[in-house]
């Protein structure tokens, strides 16, 4: 157990949901007869859930700041229909037209985010009310703009949500672009682990032993190699999805933003204790405006990825997306009260929901039962987190790996001082 503790940083509580994800995948892999971990199923799973995971990245920052955004599905829908109509009416074709269309969509998303951020940050209306209003307004605007019609997109635009990394034919039977991506992932893990240990040694801080770092590299590299092989060995014309590559890039960028940049630390500070953060010079208005604008930009990107995958934009796009994104964030460990949460945790929470939904579908479970199970999983995840915090207890995973505590040593006996007067 001590070896496992060292390999996982000595704090296994934060890995509880990751272990849950691994157990869930293993369970469905067995009961479905190996249908889960197949190249085609993994491609479909990532393509079908990438836009929700992108929403979860923005949603976790909103929730950390102490608010919630109910409008993300409606914003994604209105951006999707607007981009589809503009590309059609302006004659935006080819790859240049795709780039122009994406830029237009991101600008629309930024404008919507600035609008909602203004009411929250500068007028003082609670984020729940602002985004509930946005949910209603932009849902209606989507149907008003598109006149409840379905608007198709160009073949080039479909690459954004339904395309795959190209194959150059250098490795027979495997997609070489996916292999290169896997090698880059392994290289990043090696660099990150060695650099982290070197920096701690330079600062004189306690650094993990070299064998621990090597063990982590081997473990992560093994997972990357396995996943890379699955994606690279799929049917001809398929590989790692373009939407997955976009998601991966966003995870890296937003992990850096939340952990390294001042704006990321300010989001945590405001969510943890707004009054204390403002006394230390942090502007809550700036933070609130930023998280709302950022959320709408990511909603715009998610909406464009969805319509490119489905091939058209319609009046019912984005329905229920906000609930899936919020569920992913809370299952991934974010606190309901704000101040706690991570980008990686939200992605893991989203993957738990994705594999749960996928596994139940492979078993032939009806949509009604699937929805009930997903609701219970969300309730249980938040309930366990709240219970552990109120009781001061570790998670189930932490209890398993914690082991027995040594019996407390008896308190030393202290003799009473002699207070008898001298003489």
Protein backbone atom coordinates (compact mmCIF):
# COMPACT_ATOMS: atom_id res chain seq x y z
CA UNK A 1 0.00 0.00 0.00
CA UNK A 2 2.88 2.34 0.69
CA UNK A 3 4.13 1.82 -2.87
CA UNK A 4 0.70 2.68 -4.28
CA UNK A 5 0.51 5.78 -2.08
CA UNK A 6 3.86 7.00 -3.36
CA UNK A 7 2.95 6.34 -6.99
CA UNK A 8 -0.29 8.29 -6.65
CA UNK A 9 1.14 11.17 -4.67
CA UNK A 10 0.07 9.98 -1.24
CA UNK A 11 -3.47 11.41 -1.59
CA UNK A 12 -5.68 8.72 -3.02
CA UNK A 13 -8.88 10.53 -2.09
CA UNK A 14 -8.70 12.63 -5.23
CA UNK A 15 -8.35 9.49 -7.36
CA UNK A 16 -11.62 7.95 -6.15
CA UNK A 17 -13.59 8.93 -9.26
CA UNK A 18 -10.74 7.84 -11.54
CA UNK A 19 -10.78 4.41 -9.94
CA UNK A 20 -14.57 4.40 -10.32
CA UNK A 21 -14.13 5.11 -14.04
CA UNK A 22 -11.67 2.22 -14.44
CA UNK A 23 -13.97 -0.16 -12.54
CA UNK A 24 -16.95 0.97 -14.62
CA UNK A 25 -15.11 0.39 -17.90
CA UNK A 26 -13.95 -3.04 -16.71
CA UNK A 27 -17.45 -4.01 -15.63
CA UNK A 28 -19.10 -3.10 -18.93
CA UNK A 29 -16.21 -4.65 -20.88
CA UNK A 30 -16.97 -7.98 -19.19
CA UNK A 31 -20.79 -7.93 -19.27
CA UNK A 32 -20.93 -6.76 -22.91
CA UNK A 33 -18.49 -9.40 -24.09
CA UNK A 34 -15.71 -6.94 -24.92
CA UNK A 35 -17.79 -4.44 -26.89
CA UNK A 36 -16.72 -1.36 -24.91
CA UNK A 37 -12.98 -1.25 -25.57
CA UNK A 38 -13.13 -1.60 -29.32
CA UNK A 39 -11.77 0.99 -31.76
CA UNK A 40 -15.14 1.80 -33.33
CA UNK A 41 -16.97 2.12 -30.01
CA UNK A 42 -14.29 4.38 -28.54
CA UNK A 43 -14.39 6.62 -31.60
CA UNK A 44 -18.17 6.87 -31.43
CA UNK A 45 -18.03 7.53 -27.69
CA UNK A 46 -15.53 10.36 -28.03
CA UNK A 47 -17.28 11.90 -31.04
CA UNK A 48 -20.64 11.66 -29.31
CA UNK A 49 -19.53 13.22 -26.02
CA UNK A 50 -16.77 15.68 -26.92
CA UNK A 51 -19.11 18.67 -26.99
CA UNK A 52 -20.44 17.84 -23.49
CA UNK A 53 -16.89 17.50 -22.17
CA UNK A 54 -16.01 20.88 -23.69
CA UNK A 55 -18.99 22.40 -21.91
CA UNK A 56 -17.81 20.78 -18.66
CA UNK A 57 -14.46 22.59 -18.95
CA UNK A 58 -16.20 25.96 -18.94
CA UNK A 59 -18.86 24.92 -16.44
CA UNK A 60 -16.33 23.90 -13.80
CA UNK A 61 -14.89 27.42 -13.78
CA UNK A 62 -18.37 28.91 -13.41
CA UNK A 63 -19.16 26.56 -10.52
CA UNK A 64 -15.81 27.14 -8.83
CA UNK A 65 -16.61 30.86 -8.90
CA UNK A 66 -19.84 30.11 -7.05
CA UNK A 67 -22.38 30.33 -9.88
CA UNK A 68 -24.06 28.08 -12.42
CA UNK A 69 -24.89 28.49 -16.11
CA UNK A 70 -28.22 27.13 -17.32
CA UNK A 71 -27.98 28.70 -20.77
CA UNK A 72 -25.14 26.70 -22.34
CA UNK A 73 -27.39 24.43 -24.42
CA UNK A 74 -29.42 27.35 -25.75
CA UNK A 75 -26.28 29.38 -26.52
CA UNK A 76 -24.78 26.42 -28.38
CA UNK A 77 -27.99 26.04 -30.37
CA UNK A 78 -28.30 29.69 -31.37
CA UNK A 79 -24.64 29.83 -32.40
CA UNK A 80 -25.01 26.63 -34.40
CA UNK A 81 -28.03 27.84 -36.35
CA UNK A 82 -26.47 31.28 -36.90
CA UNK A 83 -23.24 29.81 -38.30
CA UNK A 84 -25.12 27.39 -40.55
CA UNK A 85 -27.31 30.17 -42.00
CA UNK A 86 -24.45 32.64 -42.43
CA UNK A 87 -22.24 30.10 -44.17
CA UNK A 88 -25.11 29.24 -46.52
CA UNK A 89 -26.24 32.80 -47.26
CA UNK A 90 -22.73 34.29 -47.54
CA UNK A 91 -21.49 31.45 -49.70
CA UNK A 92 -18.73 30.45 -47.27
CA UNK A 93 -17.33 27.30 -48.83
CA UNK A 94 -14.03 25.46 -48.73
CA UNK A 95 -11.57 25.51 -45.85
CA UNK A 96 -11.46 29.30 -45.85
CA UNK A 97 -15.21 29.38 -45.39
CA UNK A 98 -14.90 26.89 -42.52
CA UNK A 99 -12.36 29.06 -40.71
CA UNK A 100 -14.47 32.18 -41.24
CA UNK A 101 -17.55 30.36 -39.99
CA UNK A 102 -15.76 29.16 -36.86
CA UNK A 103 -14.50 32.68 -36.13
CA UNK A 104 -18.01 34.08 -36.59
CA UNK A 105 -19.39 31.49 -34.17
CA UNK A 106 -16.77 32.25 -31.53
CA UNK A 107 -17.44 35.99 -31.83
CA UNK A 108 -21.18 35.42 -31.39
CA UNK A 109 -20.46 33.29 -28.34
CA UNK A 110 -18.19 35.98 -26.89
CA UNK A 111 -20.88 38.64 -27.43
CA UNK A 112 -23.46 36.50 -25.64
CA UNK A 113 -21.04 35.82 -22.80
CA UNK A 114 -20.28 39.53 -22.45
CA UNK A 115 -24.02 40.26 -22.31
CA UNK A 116 -24.64 37.73 -19.55
CA UNK A 117 -21.43 38.65 -17.75
CA UNK A 118 -22.51 42.29 -17.67
CA UNK A 119 -25.75 41.51 -15.84
CA UNK A 120 -23.98 39.26 -13.36
CA UNK A 121 -20.80 41.22 -12.72
CA UNK A 122 -21.91 44.85 -12.99
CA UNK A 123 -25.65 44.82 -12.28
CA UNK A 124 -25.47 42.18 -9.58
CA UNK A 125 -28.22 39.84 -10.77
CA UNK A 126 -27.47 36.26 -9.58
CA UNK A 127 -25.98 34.01 -12.22
CA UNK A 128 -28.80 31.50 -11.84
CA UNK A 129 -31.37 34.13 -12.86
CA UNK A 130 -29.23 35.62 -15.63
CA UNK A 131 -28.60 32.27 -17.27
CA UNK A 132 -32.16 31.05 -16.73
CA UNK A 133 -33.23 34.13 -18.68
CA UNK A 134 -30.59 33.29 -21.29
CA UNK A 135 -31.84 29.72 -21.46
CA UNK A 136 -35.33 30.92 -22.35
CA UNK A 137 -34.31 33.83 -24.59
CA UNK A 138 -31.70 32.04 -26.70
CA UNK A 139 -33.81 28.91 -27.03
CA UNK A 140 -36.54 31.06 -28.55
CA UNK A 141 -34.01 33.00 -30.63
CA UNK A 142 -32.69 29.74 -32.08
CA UNK A 143 -36.15 28.79 -33.32
CA UNK A 144 -36.87 32.36 -34.48
CA UNK A 145 -33.69 32.60 -36.55
CA UNK A 146 -34.01 29.17 -38.09
CA UNK A 147 -37.81 29.31 -38.34
CA UNK A 148 -37.77 25.79 -36.82
CA UNK A 149 -36.03 24.47 -39.94
CA UNK A 150 -32.99 22.22 -40.29
CA UNK A 151 -30.02 23.97 -41.94
CA UNK A 152 -27.30 21.71 -43.45
CA UNK A 153 -23.57 22.51 -43.31
CA UNK A 154 -20.85 21.96 -45.89
CA UNK A 155 -18.81 18.76 -46.16
CA UNK A 156 -15.65 20.59 -45.13
CA UNK A 157 -17.33 21.88 -41.97
CA UNK A 158 -18.27 18.31 -40.99
CA UNK A 159 -14.60 17.55 -40.39
CA UNK A 160 -14.75 19.60 -37.19
CA UNK A 161 -17.05 17.16 -35.42
CA UNK A 162 -16.99 14.02 -37.55
CA UNK A 163 -13.49 14.00 -39.01
CA UNK A 164 -10.44 11.94 -38.09
CA UNK A 165 -6.70 12.50 -38.12
CA UNK A 166 -5.30 11.76 -41.60
CA UNK A 167 -3.32 8.64 -42.45
CA UNK A 168 -0.08 9.12 -44.38
CA UNK A 169 0.42 5.40 -45.09
CA UNK A 170 3.76 5.18 -43.31
CA UNK A 171 2.73 2.42 -40.85
CA UNK A 172 0.79 -0.46 -42.48
CA UNK A 173 -2.44 -1.28 -40.66
CA UNK A 174 -2.17 1.63 -38.24
CA UNK A 175 -2.97 5.33 -38.49
CA UNK A 176 0.40 7.08 -38.25
CA UNK A 177 -1.05 10.45 -37.21
CA UNK A 178 -2.63 8.80 -34.18
CA UNK A 179 0.68 7.10 -33.38
CA UNK A 180 2.46 10.45 -33.51
CA UNK A 181 -0.16 11.91 -31.18
CA UNK A 182 0.38 9.04 -28.74
CA UNK A 183 4.17 9.54 -28.82
CA UNK A 184 3.69 13.24 -28.12
CA UNK A 185 1.49 12.32 -25.16
CA UNK A 186 4.15 10.01 -23.76
CA UNK A 187 6.79 12.68 -24.29
CA UNK A 188 4.67 15.20 -22.41
CA UNK A 189 4.23 12.82 -19.48
CA UNK A 190 7.98 12.17 -19.30
CA UNK A 191 8.77 15.89 -19.47
CA UNK A 192 6.10 16.83 -16.91
CA UNK A 193 7.18 14.22 -14.37
CA UNK A 194 10.92 14.84 -14.64
CA UNK A 195 10.51 18.61 -14.72
CA UNK A 196 8.29 18.55 -11.66
CA UNK A 197 10.81 16.53 -9.67
CA UNK A 198 13.73 18.72 -10.83
CA UNK A 199 11.93 21.93 -9.80
CA UNK A 200 11.21 20.56 -6.33
CA UNK A 201 14.86 19.59 -5.91
CA UNK A 202 15.97 23.07 -7.01
CA UNK A 203 13.66 24.70 -4.47
CA UNK A 204 14.80 22.37 -1.72
CA UNK A 205 11.30 20.93 -1.34
CA UNK A 206 10.48 17.30 -0.73
CA UNK A 207 10.61 15.52 -4.09
CA UNK A 208 9.44 12.00 -4.99
CA UNK A 209 12.08 9.33 -5.31
CA UNK A 210 13.33 8.59 -8.81
CA UNK A 211 11.75 5.13 -8.88
CA UNK A 212 8.39 6.70 -8.07
CA UNK A 213 8.69 9.07 -11.02
CA UNK A 214 9.75 6.21 -13.31
CA UNK A 215 6.81 4.13 -12.07
CA UNK A 216 4.36 6.91 -12.84
CA UNK A 217 5.84 7.37 -16.32
CA UNK A 218 5.57 3.65 -17.06
CA UNK A 219 1.96 3.50 -15.81
CA UNK A 220 0.81 6.54 -17.81
CA UNK A 221 2.78 5.45 -20.89
CA UNK A 222 1.19 2.00 -20.80
CA UNK A 223 -2.30 3.53 -20.78
CA UNK A 224 -1.41 5.91 -23.62
CA UNK A 225 0.08 3.10 -25.72
CA UNK A 226 -3.02 0.95 -25.26
CA UNK A 227 -5.46 3.73 -26.11
CA UNK A 228 -3.31 4.86 -29.05
CA UNK A 229 -3.30 1.35 -30.47
CA UNK A 230 -7.08 1.10 -30.22
CA UNK A 231 -7.65 4.39 -32.02
CA UNK A 232 -4.93 3.74 -34.60
CA UNK A 233 -6.16 0.24 -35.51
CA UNK A 234 -9.76 1.13 -36.33
CA UNK A 235 -11.49 0.61 -39.68
CA UNK A 236 -9.99 2.25 -42.75
CA UNK A 237 -10.64 5.97 -42.86
CA UNK A 238 -10.96 6.31 -39.09
CA UNK A 239 -8.49 7.21 -36.35
CA UNK A 240 -8.42 9.60 -33.41
CA UNK A 241 -11.31 12.08 -33.90
CA UNK A 242 -10.62 15.73 -34.66
CA UNK A 243 -13.10 16.70 -31.93
CA UNK A 244 -11.06 14.62 -29.48
CA UNK A 245 -7.92 16.49 -30.48
CA UNK A 246 -9.69 19.81 -29.85
CA UNK A 247 -10.86 18.52 -26.47
CA UNK A 248 -7.35 17.38 -25.54
CA UNK A 249 -5.90 20.78 -26.45
CA UNK A 250 -8.54 22.57 -24.37
CA UNK A 251 -7.85 20.33 -21.36
CA UNK A 252 -4.14 21.19 -21.51
CA UNK A 253 -4.79 24.93 -21.95
CA UNK A 254 -7.43 25.26 -19.24
CA UNK A 255 -5.50 23.11 -16.77
CA UNK A 256 -2.63 25.56 -17.21
CA UNK A 257 -4.96 28.56 -16.91
CA UNK A 258 -6.63 27.37 -13.71
CA UNK A 259 -3.45 26.19 -12.01
CA UNK A 260 -0.77 28.60 -13.21
CA UNK A 261 -2.25 31.92 -14.31
CA UNK A 262 -3.47 34.66 -11.92
CA UNK A 263 -6.99 34.64 -13.36
CA UNK A 264 -7.30 30.96 -12.53
CA UNK A 265 -6.19 31.49 -8.95
CA UNK A 266 -8.59 34.43 -8.67
CA UNK A 267 -11.50 32.19 -9.72
CA UNK A 268 -10.69 29.81 -6.86
CA UNK A 269 -10.21 32.68 -4.43
CA UNK A 270 -13.55 34.29 -5.24
CA UNK A 271 -15.35 30.97 -5.07
CA UNK A 272 -13.73 30.05 -1.78
CA UNK A 273 -14.31 33.34 0.05
CA UNK A 274 -15.38 36.38 -1.95
CA UNK A 275 -14.96 38.91 0.84
CA UNK A 276 -11.47 37.74 1.75
CA UNK A 277 -10.45 37.67 -1.92
CA UNK A 278 -11.68 41.21 -2.52
CA UNK A 279 -9.85 42.45 0.56
CA UNK A 280 -6.67 41.01 -0.94
CA UNK A 281 -7.22 42.92 -4.18
CA UNK A 282 -9.07 40.39 -6.36
CA UNK A 283 -11.87 41.88 -8.47
CA UNK A 284 -14.99 39.73 -8.28
CA UNK A 285 -16.52 41.66 -11.18
CA UNK A 286 -13.63 40.80 -13.45
CA UNK A 287 -13.75 37.13 -12.42
CA UNK A 288 -17.51 36.85 -12.91
CA UNK A 289 -17.35 38.56 -16.29
CA UNK A 290 -14.50 36.29 -17.37
CA UNK A 291 -16.12 32.99 -16.41
CA UNK A 292 -19.42 33.89 -18.10
CA UNK A 293 -17.76 35.11 -21.31
CA UNK A 294 -15.48 32.06 -21.37
CA UNK A 295 -18.43 29.73 -20.82
CA UNK A 296 -20.34 31.14 -23.77
CA UNK A 297 -17.31 30.92 -26.07
CA UNK A 298 -16.91 27.23 -25.20
CA UNK A 299 -20.67 26.77 -25.67
CA UNK A 300 -20.32 28.25 -29.15
CA UNK A 301 -17.49 25.83 -29.95
CA UNK A 302 -19.52 22.89 -28.61
CA UNK A 303 -22.50 23.92 -30.72
CA UNK A 304 -20.40 24.08 -33.88
CA UNK A 305 -18.83 20.69 -33.19
CA UNK A 306 -22.29 19.20 -32.72
CA UNK A 307 -23.78 20.54 -35.95
CA UNK A 308 -20.67 19.50 -37.88
CA UNK A 309 -21.07 15.96 -36.53
CA UNK A 310 -24.80 15.78 -37.21
CA UNK A 311 -24.41 17.52 -40.58
CA UNK A 312 -27.06 20.17 -39.89
CA UNK A 313 -28.37 22.59 -37.30
CA UNK A 314 -31.92 22.16 -36.05
CA UNK A 315 -34.45 23.67 -33.62
CA UNK A 316 -33.88 21.07 -30.91
CA UNK A 317 -30.09 21.22 -30.69
CA UNK A 318 -28.65 21.71 -27.21
CA UNK A 319 -31.65 20.44 -25.28
CA UNK A 320 -30.49 19.14 -21.88
CA UNK A 321 -26.81 19.84 -22.49
CA UNK A 322 -26.53 22.09 -19.47
CA UNK A 323 -27.71 19.27 -17.21
CA UNK A 324 -25.11 16.85 -18.60
CA UNK A 325 -22.33 19.42 -18.18
CA UNK A 326 -23.36 20.26 -14.61
CA UNK A 327 -23.59 16.56 -13.75
CA UNK A 328 -20.08 15.94 -15.12
CA UNK A 329 -18.65 18.76 -13.01
CA UNK A 330 -20.24 17.63 -9.76
CA UNK A 331 -19.46 13.96 -10.31
CA UNK A 332 -15.88 15.05 -11.01
CA UNK A 333 -15.54 16.45 -7.50
CA UNK A 334 -16.58 20.12 -7.68
CA UNK A 335 -18.16 21.55 -4.54
CA UNK A 336 -21.74 22.80 -4.67
CA UNK A 337 -20.73 25.85 -2.63
CA UNK A 338 -17.89 26.78 -5.01
CA UNK A 339 -14.15 27.13 -4.56
CA UNK A 340 -13.37 23.47 -5.31
CA UNK A 341 -13.03 21.63 -8.61
CA UNK A 342 -10.59 20.83 -11.41
CA UNK A 343 -10.67 20.58 -15.17
CA UNK A 344 -9.31 17.03 -15.10
CA UNK A 345 -11.88 16.02 -12.49
CA UNK A 346 -14.71 17.36 -14.65
CA UNK A 347 -13.42 15.42 -17.66
CA UNK A 348 -13.28 12.25 -15.57
CA UNK A 349 -16.82 12.92 -14.33
CA UNK A 350 -17.98 13.41 -17.90
CA UNK A 351 -16.29 10.18 -18.98
CA UNK A 352 -18.00 8.32 -16.14
CA UNK A 353 -21.37 9.48 -17.45
CA UNK A 354 -20.34 8.75 -21.06
CA UNK A 355 -19.19 5.18 -20.36
CA UNK A 356 -22.21 4.57 -18.14
CA UNK A 357 -24.56 5.68 -20.90
CA UNK A 358 -22.60 3.79 -23.55
CA UNK A 359 -22.44 0.57 -21.54
CA UNK A 360 -26.15 0.61 -20.80
CA UNK A 361 -26.92 1.18 -24.47
CA UNK A 362 -24.73 -1.78 -25.46
CA UNK A 363 -26.70 -3.89 -22.98
CA UNK A 364 -29.95 -2.79 -24.61
CA UNK A 365 -31.16 -0.80 -21.62
CA UNK A 366 -34.00 1.60 -22.39
CA UNK A 367 -33.57 5.36 -22.34
CA UNK A 368 -35.92 5.65 -19.37
CA UNK A 369 -33.89 3.32 -17.15
CA UNK A 370 -30.64 4.92 -18.33
CA UNK A 371 -31.86 8.36 -17.27
CA UNK A 372 -32.90 7.05 -13.85
CA UNK A 373 -29.53 5.41 -13.28
CA UNK A 374 -27.64 8.57 -14.34
CA UNK A 375 -29.74 10.63 -11.94
CA UNK A 376 -29.01 8.27 -9.06
CA UNK A 377 -25.28 8.30 -9.86
CA UNK A 378 -25.24 12.10 -9.70
CA UNK A 379 -27.17 12.15 -6.43
CA UNK A 380 -24.94 9.50 -4.88
CA UNK A 381 -21.71 11.24 -5.96
CA UNK A 382 -22.72 14.58 -4.44
CA UNK A 383 -24.19 12.91 -1.34
CA UNK A 384 -20.95 11.03 -0.64
CA UNK A 385 -18.93 14.23 -1.07
CA UNK A 386 -21.20 16.20 1.27
CA UNK A 387 -21.27 13.39 3.85
CA UNK A 388 -17.49 13.05 3.88
CA UNK A 389 -17.02 16.77 4.38
CA UNK A 390 -19.54 17.02 7.20
CA UNK A 391 -18.13 13.97 8.96
CA UNK A 392 -14.48 14.76 8.31
CA UNK A 393 -14.00 11.32 6.77
CA UNK A 394 -12.04 10.20 3.71
CA UNK A 395 -13.74 8.77 0.66
CA UNK A 396 -14.36 5.04 0.27
CA UNK A 397 -11.22 4.76 -1.84
CA UNK A 398 -9.20 6.66 0.72
CA UNK A 399 -10.46 4.37 3.47
CA UNK A 400 -9.41 1.29 1.51
CA UNK A 401 -5.87 2.50 0.91
CA UNK A 402 -5.44 4.22 4.24
CA UNK A 403 -4.86 1.00 6.15
CA UNK A 404 -4.93 0.67 9.89
CA UNK A 405 -3.82 3.61 11.91
CA UNK A 406 -1.26 2.84 14.59
CA UNK A 407 -2.63 2.81 18.09
CA UNK A 408 -2.07 6.15 19.81
CA UNK A 409 0.76 6.21 22.29
CA UNK A 410 -0.29 6.71 25.88
CA UNK A 411 0.00 10.27 27.08
CA UNK A 412 3.01 10.83 29.38
CA UNK A 413 2.20 11.08 33.03
CA UNK A 414 2.99 14.52 34.37
CA UNK A 415 3.51 14.71 38.12
CA UNK A 416 1.83 17.58 39.89
CA UNK A 417 4.14 20.31 41.07
CA UNK A 418 4.84 20.51 44.80
CA UNK A 419 3.01 23.58 46.07
CA UNK A 420 3.90 23.14 49.74
CA UNK A 421 5.40 26.40 51.12
CA UNK A 422 9.11 26.19 51.89
CA UNK A 423 10.11 26.02 55.52
